[in-house]
Structure formats: C-alpha cells, structure tokens
Amino acid sequence: MAKKEMEVVKGLDLNRYMGRWYKIASFPSKNQSKNGSNTRATYTSKEDGSIHVLNETWTDGKRGFIEGTAYKIDPSSDKAKLKVKFYVPPFLPIFPVVGDY
C-alpha cells in the first residue's frame, strides 16, 4: 500500500503558534511516561527564526521534560511543515533526534 501524504496546513502564522499548549490526549512516544499528567508544550520564538520547544509532563509528582528546536523545512513556503530536533538524553546534547512536527 502506498504511503498516504498528510494534508499540510497553509498560511501558518508562527506568532500565533507561540505560547503554552496543553495536551488533551496523546499517544506517548517510547521515551514518555504512560501515566504522565499536566502534559504541555511551550513554544518560544528565537532570534534566528527557529522555535524553542519545551515539552513537560508530571509523573508521580516529578517533572520530566525535554527541550528542542523546531524550524520550518522550507522558510520560503507558507506550508506548516516543521522539523524538530531534540537531544536524547538531554544532559548529553550530542545525539539529535529529528522528527516531523
């Protein structure tokens, strides 16, 4: 079966995207706790045009987080195609994990 291309939003206004977003529901990745709560993502503009990404969740009263950088795949396009780069583990920022956003 051919891989189905997801529809991409056009006309993304990155300024409206900035701020704190709370997750109502999600499918945790293998590195995320299955019983986390108060999961949120905070997006902040950086001077170079990229976006600082802070993902947080609380599990058993302890805060878990990971930080990364998101950037438009094609800065000249109005499509909302972003990549995000996280460093895993966060205390050893040598190994980037890059994914679609």
PDB file of N, CA and C in Angstrom:
ATOM      1  N   MET A   1       0.841  -1.171   0.000  1.00  0.00           N
ATOM      2  CA  MET A   1       0.000   0.000   0.000  1.00  0.00           C
ATOM      3  C   MET A   1       0.887   1.236   0.000  1.00  0.00           C
ATOM      4  N   ALA A   2       0.540   2.210  -0.798  1.00  0.00           N
ATOM      5  CA  ALA A   2       1.319   3.446  -0.878  1.00  0.00           C
ATOM      6  C   ALA A   2       1.123   4.265   0.386  1.00  0.00           C
ATOM      7  N   LYS A   3       2.175   4.929   0.790  1.00  0.00           N
ATOM      8  CA  LYS A   3       2.108   5.784   1.970  1.00  0.00           C
ATOM      9  C   LYS A   3       1.274   7.016   1.642  1.00  0.00           C
ATOM     10  N   LYS A   4       0.284   7.307   2.485  1.00  0.00           N
ATOM     11  CA  LYS A   4      -0.602   8.443   2.255  1.00  0.00           C
ATOM     12  C   LYS A   4       0.055   9.709   2.804  1.00  0.00           C
ATOM     13  N   GLU A   5       0.142  10.728   1.971  1.00  0.00           N
ATOM     14  CA  GLU A   5       0.698  12.024   2.369  1.00  0.00           C
ATOM     15  C   GLU A   5      -0.340  12.754   3.213  1.00  0.00           C
ATOM     16  N   MET A   6       0.076  13.247   4.381  1.00  0.00           N
ATOM     17  CA  MET A   6      -0.835  14.005   5.231  1.00  0.00           C
ATOM     18  C   MET A   6      -1.029  15.402   4.659  1.00  0.00           C
ATOM     19  N   GLU A   7      -2.227  15.923   4.808  1.00  0.00           N
ATOM     20  CA  GLU A   7      -2.508  17.271   4.339  1.00  0.00           C
ATOM     21  C   GLU A   7      -1.803  18.264   5.258  1.00  0.00           C
ATOM     22  N   VAL A   8      -1.177  19.260   4.673  1.00  0.00           N
ATOM     23  CA  VAL A   8      -0.414  20.240   5.428  1.00  0.00           C
ATOM     24  C   VAL A   8      -1.149  21.573   5.421  1.00  0.00           C
ATOM     25  N   VAL A   9      -1.246  22.171   6.588  1.00  0.00           N
ATOM     26  CA  VAL A   9      -1.897  23.474   6.721  1.00  0.00           C
ATOM     27  C   VAL A   9      -1.082  24.516   5.977  1.00  0.00           C
ATOM     28  N   LYS A  10      -1.767  25.416   5.286  1.00  0.00           N
ATOM     29  CA  LYS A  10      -1.094  26.515   4.601  1.00  0.00           C
ATOM     30  C   LYS A  10      -1.361  27.805   5.365  1.00  0.00           C
ATOM     31  N   GLY A  11      -0.461  28.759   5.228  1.00  0.00           N
ATOM     32  CA  GLY A  11      -0.650  30.058   5.861  1.00  0.00           C
ATOM     33  C   GLY A  11      -0.378  30.056   7.350  1.00  0.00           C
ATOM     34  N   LEU A  12       0.559  29.242   7.812  1.00  0.00           N
ATOM     35  CA  LEU A  12       0.882  29.170   9.239  1.00  0.00           C
ATOM     36  C   LEU A  12       1.410  30.514   9.728  1.00  0.00           C
ATOM     37  N   ASP A  13       0.806  31.035  10.775  1.00  0.00           N
ATOM     38  CA  ASP A  13       1.268  32.251  11.438  1.00  0.00           C
ATOM     39  C   ASP A  13       2.032  31.809  12.681  1.00  0.00           C
ATOM     40  N   LEU A  14       3.351  31.754  12.583  1.00  0.00           N
ATOM     41  CA  LEU A  14       4.166  31.255  13.691  1.00  0.00           C
ATOM     42  C   LEU A  14       3.985  32.063  14.968  1.00  0.00           C
ATOM     43  N   ASN A  15       3.692  33.352  14.862  1.00  0.00           N
ATOM     44  CA  ASN A  15       3.489  34.156  16.070  1.00  0.00           C
ATOM     45  C   ASN A  15       2.278  33.677  16.868  1.00  0.00           C
ATOM     46  N   ARG A  16       1.235  33.244  16.190  1.00  0.00           N
ATOM     47  CA  ARG A  16       0.047  32.720  16.883  1.00  0.00           C
ATOM     48  C   ARG A  16       0.306  31.344  17.476  1.00  0.00           C
ATOM     49  N   TYR A  17       1.294  30.651  16.982  1.00  0.00           N
ATOM     50  CA  TYR A  17       1.652  29.309  17.438  1.00  0.00           C
ATOM     51  C   TYR A  17       2.447  29.364  18.746  1.00  0.00           C
ATOM     52  N   MET A  18       3.084  30.496  19.019  1.00  0.00           N
ATOM     53  CA  MET A  18       3.919  30.638  20.205  1.00  0.00           C
ATOM     54  C   MET A  18       3.060  30.629  21.468  1.00  0.00           C
ATOM     55  N   GLY A  19       3.681  30.190  22.552  1.00  0.00           N
ATOM     56  CA  GLY A  19       2.992  30.161  23.843  1.00  0.00           C
ATOM     57  C   GLY A  19       2.914  28.752  24.380  1.00  0.00           C
ATOM     58  N   ARG A  20       2.067  28.571  25.375  1.00  0.00           N
ATOM     59  CA  ARG A  20       1.920  27.273  26.043  1.00  0.00           C
ATOM     60  C   ARG A  20       0.663  26.576  25.546  1.00  0.00           C
ATOM     61  N   TRP A  21       0.835  25.308  25.184  1.00  0.00           N
ATOM     62  CA  TRP A  21      -0.259  24.467  24.713  1.00  0.00           C
ATOM     63  C   TRP A  21      -0.361  23.254  25.636  1.00  0.00           C
ATOM     64  N   TYR A  22      -1.585  22.931  26.045  1.00  0.00           N
ATOM     65  CA  TYR A  22      -1.815  21.780  26.921  1.00  0.00           C
ATOM     66  C   TYR A  22      -2.337  20.622  26.092  1.00  0.00           C
ATOM     67  N   LYS A  23      -1.817  19.443  26.370  1.00  0.00           N
ATOM     68  CA  LYS A  23      -2.242  18.259  25.625  1.00  0.00           C
ATOM     69  C   LYS A  23      -3.469  17.657  26.285  1.00  0.00           C
ATOM     70  N   ILE A  24      -4.510  17.493  25.490  1.00  0.00           N
ATOM     71  CA  ILE A  24      -5.751  16.899  25.979  1.00  0.00           C
ATOM     72  C   ILE A  24      -5.659  15.375  25.892  1.00  0.00           C
ATOM     73  N   ALA A  25      -5.077  14.893  24.812  1.00  0.00           N
ATOM     74  CA  ALA A  25      -4.897  13.457  24.604  1.00  0.00           C
ATOM     75  C   ALA A  25      -3.694  13.260  23.704  1.00  0.00           C
ATOM     76  N   SER A  26      -3.005  12.140  23.876  1.00  0.00           N
ATOM     77  CA  SER A  26      -1.848  11.864  23.023  1.00  0.00           C
ATOM     78  C   SER A  26      -1.508  10.392  23.084  1.00  0.00           C
ATOM     79  N   PHE A  27      -0.651   9.996  22.177  1.00  0.00           N
ATOM     80  CA  PHE A  27      -0.065   8.671  22.191  1.00  0.00           C
ATOM     81  C   PHE A  27       1.399   8.870  22.583  1.00  0.00           C
ATOM     82  N   PRO A  28       1.768   8.572  23.837  1.00  0.00           N
ATOM     83  CA  PRO A  28       3.141   8.830  24.278  1.00  0.00           C
ATOM     84  C   PRO A  28       4.166   8.075  23.434  1.00  0.00           C
ATOM     85  N   SER A  29       5.300   8.722  23.193  1.00  0.00           N
ATOM     86  CA  SER A  29       6.384   8.046  22.496  1.00  0.00           C
ATOM     87  C   SER A  29       7.047   7.075  23.461  1.00  0.00           C
ATOM     88  N   LYS A  30       7.971   6.285  22.968  1.00  0.00           N
ATOM     89  CA  LYS A  30       8.597   5.281  23.842  1.00  0.00           C
ATOM     90  C   LYS A  30       9.399   5.915  24.978  1.00  0.00           C
ATOM     91  N   ASN A  31       9.777   7.179  24.833  1.00  0.00           N
ATOM     92  CA  ASN A  31      10.544   7.847  25.883  1.00  0.00           C
ATOM     93  C   ASN A  31       9.669   8.608  26.872  1.00  0.00           C
ATOM     94  N   GLN A  32       8.349   8.621  26.665  1.00  0.00           N
ATOM     95  CA  GLN A  32       7.445   9.349  27.542  1.00  0.00           C
ATOM     96  C   GLN A  32       6.733   8.401  28.496  1.00  0.00           C
ATOM     97  N   SER A  33       6.444   8.913  29.681  1.00  0.00           N
ATOM     98  CA  SER A  33       5.709   8.147  30.676  1.00  0.00           C
ATOM     99  C   SER A  33       4.288   7.880  30.193  1.00  0.00           C
ATOM    100  N   LYS A  34       3.794   6.691  30.457  1.00  0.00           N
ATOM    101  CA  LYS A  34       2.429   6.333  30.053  1.00  0.00           C
ATOM    102  C   LYS A  34       1.399   6.916  31.014  1.00  0.00           C
ATOM    103  N   ASN A  35       1.809   7.293  32.233  1.00  0.00           N
ATOM    104  CA  ASN A  35       0.853   7.809  33.205  1.00  0.00           C
ATOM    105  C   ASN A  35       1.172   9.249  33.611  1.00  0.00           C
ATOM    106  N   GLY A  36       1.755  10.014  32.698  1.00  0.00           N
ATOM    107  CA  GLY A  36       2.044  11.419  32.971  1.00  0.00           C
ATOM    108  C   GLY A  36       0.768  12.247  32.990  1.00  0.00           C
ATOM    109  N   SER A  37       0.837  13.391  33.663  1.00  0.00           N
ATOM    110  CA  SER A  37      -0.315  14.289  33.707  1.00  0.00           C
ATOM    111  C   SER A  37       0.164  15.721  33.509  1.00  0.00           C
ATOM    112  N   ASN A  38      -0.792  16.612  33.272  1.00  0.00           N
ATOM    113  CA  ASN A  38      -0.474  18.029  33.057  1.00  0.00           C
ATOM    114  C   ASN A  38       0.582  18.207  31.975  1.00  0.00           C
ATOM    115  N   THR A  39       0.484  17.414  30.930  1.00  0.00           N
ATOM    116  CA  THR A  39       1.447  17.474  29.839  1.00  0.00           C
ATOM    117  C   THR A  39       1.218  18.743  29.025  1.00  0.00           C
ATOM    118  N   ARG A  40       2.314  19.429  28.733  1.00  0.00           N
ATOM    119  CA  ARG A  40       2.213  20.688  27.996  1.00  0.00           C
ATOM    120  C   ARG A  40       3.455  20.911  27.154  1.00  0.00           C
ATOM    121  N   ALA A  41       3.293  21.775  26.166  1.00  0.00           N
ATOM    122  CA  ALA A  41       4.403  22.173  25.306  1.00  0.00           C
ATOM    123  C   ALA A  41       4.423  23.700  25.269  1.00  0.00           C
ATOM    124  N   THR A  42       5.610  24.274  25.378  1.00  0.00           N
ATOM    125  CA  THR A  42       5.766  25.719  25.323  1.00  0.00           C
ATOM    126  C   THR A  42       6.676  26.051  24.156  1.00  0.00           C
ATOM    127  N   TYR A  43       6.191  26.937  23.276  1.00  0.00           N
ATOM    128  CA  TYR A  43       6.923  27.338  22.082  1.00  0.00           C
ATOM    129  C   TYR A  43       7.314  28.804  22.211  1.00  0.00           C
ATOM    130  N   THR A  44       8.593  29.098  21.955  1.00  0.00           N
ATOM    131  CA  THR A  44       9.110  30.454  22.067  1.00  0.00           C
ATOM    132  C   THR A  44       9.943  30.778  20.836  1.00  0.00           C
ATOM    133  N   SER A  45       9.684  31.939  20.225  1.00  0.00           N
ATOM    134  CA  SER A  45      10.457  32.375  19.053  1.00  0.00           C
ATOM    135  C   SER A  45      11.894  32.671  19.445  1.00  0.00           C
ATOM    136  N   LYS A  46      12.803  32.292  18.554  1.00  0.00           N
ATOM    137  CA  LYS A  46      14.215  32.622  18.737  1.00  0.00           C
ATOM    138  C   LYS A  46      14.616  33.631  17.658  1.00  0.00           C
ATOM    139  N   GLU A  47      15.655  34.402  17.935  1.00  0.00           N
ATOM    140  CA  GLU A  47      16.084  35.460  17.008  1.00  0.00           C
ATOM    141  C   GLU A  47      16.439  34.936  15.617  1.00  0.00           C
ATOM    142  N   ASP A  48      16.898  33.695  15.529  1.00  0.00           N
ATOM    143  CA  ASP A  48      17.299  33.152  14.226  1.00  0.00           C
ATOM    144  C   ASP A  48      16.122  32.621  13.409  1.00  0.00           C
ATOM    145  N   GLY A  49      14.887  32.792  13.924  1.00  0.00           N
ATOM    146  CA  GLY A  49      13.702  32.327  13.212  1.00  0.00           C
ATOM    147  C   GLY A  49      13.252  30.929  13.602  1.00  0.00           C
ATOM    148  N   SER A  50      14.048  30.234  14.382  1.00  0.00           N
ATOM    149  CA  SER A  50      13.647  28.906  14.834  1.00  0.00           C
ATOM    150  C   SER A  50      12.770  29.047  16.089  1.00  0.00           C
ATOM    151  N   ILE A  51      12.314  27.929  16.602  1.00  0.00           N
ATOM    152  CA  ILE A  51      11.397  27.913  17.743  1.00  0.00           C
ATOM    153  C   ILE A  51      11.986  27.032  18.833  1.00  0.00           C
ATOM    154  N   HIS A  52      12.084  27.581  20.044  1.00  0.00           N
ATOM    155  CA  HIS A  52      12.492  26.780  21.199  1.00  0.00           C
ATOM    156  C   HIS A  52      11.277  25.978  21.641  1.00  0.00           C
ATOM    157  N   VAL A  53      11.455  24.655  21.823  1.00  0.00           N
ATOM    158  CA  VAL A  53      10.371  23.759  22.212  1.00  0.00           C
ATOM    159  C   VAL A  53      10.695  23.186  23.592  1.00  0.00           C
ATOM    160  N   LEU A  54       9.764  23.322  24.517  1.00  0.00           N
ATOM    161  CA  LEU A  54       9.893  22.733  25.847  1.00  0.00           C
ATOM    162  C   LEU A  54       8.675  21.852  26.082  1.00  0.00           C
ATOM    163  N   ASN A  55       8.885  20.533  26.139  1.00  0.00           N
ATOM    164  CA  ASN A  55       7.813  19.586  26.422  1.00  0.00           C
ATOM    165  C   ASN A  55       7.963  19.126  27.867  1.00  0.00           C
ATOM    166  N   GLU A  56       6.869  19.194  28.631  1.00  0.00           N
ATOM    167  CA  GLU A  56       6.905  18.837  30.050  1.00  0.00           C
ATOM    168  C   GLU A  56       5.735  17.922  30.393  1.00  0.00           C
ATOM    169  N   THR A  57       5.947  17.060  31.385  1.00  0.00           N
ATOM    170  CA  THR A  57       4.886  16.249  31.952  1.00  0.00           C
ATOM    171  C   THR A  57       5.255  15.928  33.394  1.00  0.00           C
ATOM    172  N   TRP A  58       4.263  15.642  34.199  1.00  0.00           N
ATOM    173  CA  TRP A  58       4.496  15.300  35.600  1.00  0.00           C
ATOM    174  C   TRP A  58       4.056  13.871  35.828  1.00  0.00           C
ATOM    175  N   THR A  59       4.948  13.096  36.458  1.00  0.00           N
ATOM    176  CA  THR A  59       4.670  11.704  36.787  1.00  0.00           C
ATOM    177  C   THR A  59       5.035  11.481  38.246  1.00  0.00           C
ATOM    178  N   ASP A  60       4.088  11.034  39.035  1.00  0.00           N
ATOM    179  CA  ASP A  60       4.300  10.806  40.471  1.00  0.00           C
ATOM    180  C   ASP A  60       4.890  12.043  41.145  1.00  0.00           C
ATOM    181  N   GLY A  61       4.405  13.218  40.756  1.00  0.00           N
ATOM    182  CA  GLY A  61       4.842  14.473  41.369  1.00  0.00           C
ATOM    183  C   GLY A  61       6.172  15.004  40.877  1.00  0.00           C
ATOM    184  N   LYS A  62       6.808  14.308  39.951  1.00  0.00           N
ATOM    185  CA  LYS A  62       8.102  14.751  39.427  1.00  0.00           C
ATOM    186  C   LYS A  62       7.961  15.256  37.996  1.00  0.00           C
ATOM    187  N   ARG A  63       8.627  16.377  37.725  1.00  0.00           N
ATOM    188  CA  ARG A  63       8.587  16.976  36.394  1.00  0.00           C
ATOM    189  C   ARG A  63       9.601  16.298  35.485  1.00  0.00           C
ATOM    190  N   GLY A  64       9.126  15.867  34.346  1.00  0.00           N
ATOM    191  CA  GLY A  64      10.002  15.365  33.299  1.00  0.00           C
ATOM    192  C   GLY A  64       9.912  16.329  32.127  1.00  0.00           C
ATOM    193  N   PHE A  65      11.019  16.544  31.442  1.00  0.00           N
ATOM    194  CA  PHE A  65      10.979  17.498  30.330  1.00  0.00           C
ATOM    195  C   PHE A  65      12.050  17.163  29.309  1.00  0.00           C
ATOM    196  N   ILE A  66      11.849  17.728  28.129  1.00  0.00           N
ATOM    197  CA  ILE A  66      12.856  17.662  27.081  1.00  0.00           C
ATOM    198  C   ILE A  66      12.753  18.964  26.291  1.00  0.00           C
ATOM    199  N   GLU A  67      13.899  19.483  25.866  1.00  0.00           N
ATOM    200  CA  GLU A  67      13.936  20.722  25.104  1.00  0.00           C
ATOM    201  C   GLU A  67      14.475  20.439  23.717  1.00  0.00           C
ATOM    202  N   GLY A  68      14.020  21.236  22.776  1.00  0.00           N
ATOM    203  CA  GLY A  68      14.472  21.067  21.405  1.00  0.00           C
ATOM    204  C   GLY A  68      14.305  22.343  20.615  1.00  0.00           C
ATOM    205  N   THR A  69      14.581  22.232  19.333  1.00  0.00           N
ATOM    206  CA  THR A  69      14.457  23.363  18.416  1.00  0.00           C
ATOM    207  C   THR A  69      13.655  22.914  17.207  1.00  0.00           C
ATOM    208  N   ALA A  70      12.636  23.701  16.866  1.00  0.00           N
ATOM    209  CA  ALA A  70      11.839  23.440  15.666  1.00  0.00           C
ATOM    210  C   ALA A  70      12.170  24.499  14.633  1.00  0.00           C
ATOM    211  N   TYR A  71      12.072  24.109  13.367  1.00  0.00           N
ATOM    212  CA  TYR A  71      12.368  25.052  12.286  1.00  0.00           C
ATOM    213  C   TYR A  71      11.561  24.653  11.060  1.00  0.00           C
ATOM    214  N   LYS A  72      11.234  25.654  10.238  1.00  0.00           N
ATOM    215  CA  LYS A  72      10.493  25.383   9.007  1.00  0.00           C
ATOM    216  C   LYS A  72      11.403  24.640   8.038  1.00  0.00           C
ATOM    217  N   ILE A  73      10.861  23.632   7.390  1.00  0.00           N
ATOM    218  CA  ILE A  73      11.635  22.867   6.417  1.00  0.00           C
ATOM    219  C   ILE A  73      12.021  23.761   5.242  1.00  0.00           C
ATOM    220  N   ASP A  74      11.062  24.560   4.778  1.00  0.00           N
ATOM    221  CA  ASP A  74      11.308  25.490   3.677  1.00  0.00           C
ATOM    222  C   ASP A  74      10.857  26.877   4.124  1.00  0.00           C
ATOM    223  N   PRO A  75      11.781  27.734   4.556  1.00  0.00           N
ATOM    224  CA  PRO A  75      11.406  29.053   5.070  1.00  0.00           C
ATOM    225  C   PRO A  75      10.632  29.919   4.078  1.00  0.00           C
ATOM    226  N   SER A  76      10.762  29.669   2.787  1.00  0.00           N
ATOM    227  CA  SER A  76      10.052  30.484   1.792  1.00  0.00           C
ATOM    228  C   SER A  76       8.621  29.996   1.546  1.00  0.00           C
ATOM    229  N   SER A  77       8.278  28.831   2.089  1.00  0.00           N
ATOM    230  CA  SER A  77       6.949  28.259   1.880  1.00  0.00           C
ATOM    231  C   SER A  77       5.974  28.750   2.949  1.00  0.00           C
ATOM    232  N   ASP A  78       4.680  28.804   2.585  1.00  0.00           N
ATOM    233  CA  ASP A  78       3.673  29.161   3.579  1.00  0.00           C
ATOM    234  C   ASP A  78       3.066  27.908   4.220  1.00  0.00           C
ATOM    235  N   LYS A  79       3.604  26.732   3.897  1.00  0.00           N
ATOM    236  CA  LYS A  79       3.113  25.480   4.476  1.00  0.00           C
ATOM    237  C   LYS A  79       3.672  25.284   5.889  1.00  0.00           C
ATOM    238  N   ALA A  80       2.873  24.661   6.720  1.00  0.00           N
ATOM    239  CA  ALA A  80       3.233  24.442   8.126  1.00  0.00           C
ATOM    240  C   ALA A  80       4.044  23.166   8.296  1.00  0.00           C
ATOM    241  N   LYS A  81       5.074  23.014   7.495  1.00  0.00           N
ATOM    242  CA  LYS A  81       5.936  21.842   7.610  1.00  0.00           C
ATOM    243  C   LYS A  81       7.148  22.212   8.445  1.00  0.00           C
ATOM    244  N   LEU A  82       7.215  21.626   9.645  1.00  0.00           N
ATOM    245  CA  LEU A  82       8.314  21.899  10.564  1.00  0.00           C
ATOM    246  C   LEU A  82       9.067  20.610  10.861  1.00  0.00           C
ATOM    247  N   LYS A  83      10.306  20.767  11.234  1.00  0.00           N
ATOM    248  CA  LYS A  83      11.120  19.685  11.796  1.00  0.00           C
ATOM    249  C   LYS A  83      11.446  20.104  13.208  1.00  0.00           C
ATOM    250  N   VAL A  84      11.619  19.139  14.087  1.00  0.00           N
ATOM    251  CA  VAL A  84      12.046  19.430  15.448  1.00  0.00           C
ATOM    252  C   VAL A  84      13.238  18.543  15.768  1.00  0.00           C
ATOM    253  N   LYS A  85      14.182  19.124  16.483  1.00  0.00           N
ATOM    254  CA  LYS A  85      15.386  18.396  16.864  1.00  0.00           C
ATOM    255  C   LYS A  85      15.477  18.392  18.388  1.00  0.00           C
ATOM    256  N   PHE A  86      15.449  17.196  18.977  1.00  0.00           N
ATOM    257  CA  PHE A  86      15.651  17.022  20.410  1.00  0.00           C
ATOM    258  C   PHE A  86      16.971  16.298  20.609  1.00  0.00           C
ATOM    259  N   TYR A  87      17.586  16.523  21.741  1.00  0.00           N
ATOM    260  CA  TYR A  87      18.809  15.800  22.073  1.00  0.00           C
ATOM    261  C   TYR A  87      18.482  14.793  23.159  1.00  0.00           C
ATOM    262  N   VAL A  88      18.799  13.519  22.884  1.00  0.00           N
ATOM    263  CA  VAL A  88      18.483  12.433  23.802  1.00  0.00           C
ATOM    264  C   VAL A  88      19.766  11.701  24.135  1.00  0.00           C
ATOM    265  N   PRO A  89      20.101  11.566  25.408  1.00  0.00           N
ATOM    266  CA  PRO A  89      19.434  12.159  26.564  1.00  0.00           C
ATOM    267  C   PRO A  89      19.740  13.655  26.652  1.00  0.00           C
ATOM    268  N   PRO A  90      18.845  14.420  27.297  1.00  0.00           N
ATOM    269  CA  PRO A  90      19.007  15.875  27.319  1.00  0.00           C
ATOM    270  C   PRO A  90      20.279  16.361  28.015  1.00  0.00           C
ATOM    271  N   PHE A  91      20.800  15.578  28.944  1.00  0.00           N
ATOM    272  CA  PHE A  91      22.011  16.002  29.657  1.00  0.00           C
ATOM    273  C   PHE A  91      23.272  15.758  28.841  1.00  0.00           C
ATOM    274  N   LEU A  92      23.152  15.119  27.694  1.00  0.00           N
ATOM    275  CA  LEU A  92      24.289  14.824  26.833  1.00  0.00           C
ATOM    276  C   LEU A  92      23.929  15.237  25.411  1.00  0.00           C
ATOM    277  N   PRO A  93      23.962  16.554  25.126  1.00  0.00           N
ATOM    278  CA  PRO A  93      23.451  17.037  23.825  1.00  0.00           C
ATOM    279  C   PRO A  93      24.370  16.735  22.639  1.00  0.00           C
ATOM    280  N   ILE A  94      24.550  15.433  22.390  1.00  0.00           N
ATOM    281  CA  ILE A  94      25.399  15.010  21.285  1.00  0.00           C
ATOM    282  C   ILE A  94      24.581  14.295  20.213  1.00  0.00           C
ATOM    283  N   PHE A  95      23.556  13.573  20.630  1.00  0.00           N
ATOM    284  CA  PHE A  95      22.795  12.739  19.709  1.00  0.00           C
ATOM    285  C   PHE A  95      21.431  13.363  19.413  1.00  0.00           C
ATOM    286  N   PRO A  96      21.288  14.039  18.276  1.00  0.00           N
ATOM    287  CA  PRO A  96      19.987  14.647  17.955  1.00  0.00           C
ATOM    288  C   PRO A  96      18.997  13.615  17.432  1.00  0.00           C
ATOM    289  N   VAL A  97      17.753  13.786  17.826  1.00  0.00           N
ATOM    290  CA  VAL A  97      16.647  13.008  17.279  1.00  0.00           C
ATOM    291  C   VAL A  97      15.775  14.007  16.548  1.00  0.00           C
ATOM    292  N   VAL A  98      15.626  13.826  15.238  1.00  0.00           N
ATOM    293  CA  VAL A  98      14.882  14.777  14.400  1.00  0.00           C
ATOM    294  C   VAL A  98      13.601  14.128  13.909  1.00  0.00           C
ATOM    295  N   GLY A  99      12.517  14.901  13.958  1.00  0.00           N
ATOM    296  CA  GLY A  99      11.241  14.363  13.506  1.00  0.00           C
ATOM    297  C   GLY A  99      10.367  15.440  12.898  1.00  0.00           C
ATOM    298  N   ASP A 100       9.316  15.012  12.234  1.00  0.00           N
ATOM    299  CA  ASP A 100       8.339  15.932  11.658  1.00  0.00           C
ATOM    300  C   ASP A 100       7.483  16.513  12.764  1.00  0.00           C
ATOM    301  N   TYR A 101       7.044  17.749  12.537  1.00  0.00           N
ATOM    302  CA  TYR A 101       6.234  18.439  13.542  1.00  0.00           C
ATOM    303  C   TYR A 101       5.103  19.126  12.843  1.00  0.00           C
TER     304      TYR A 101
END
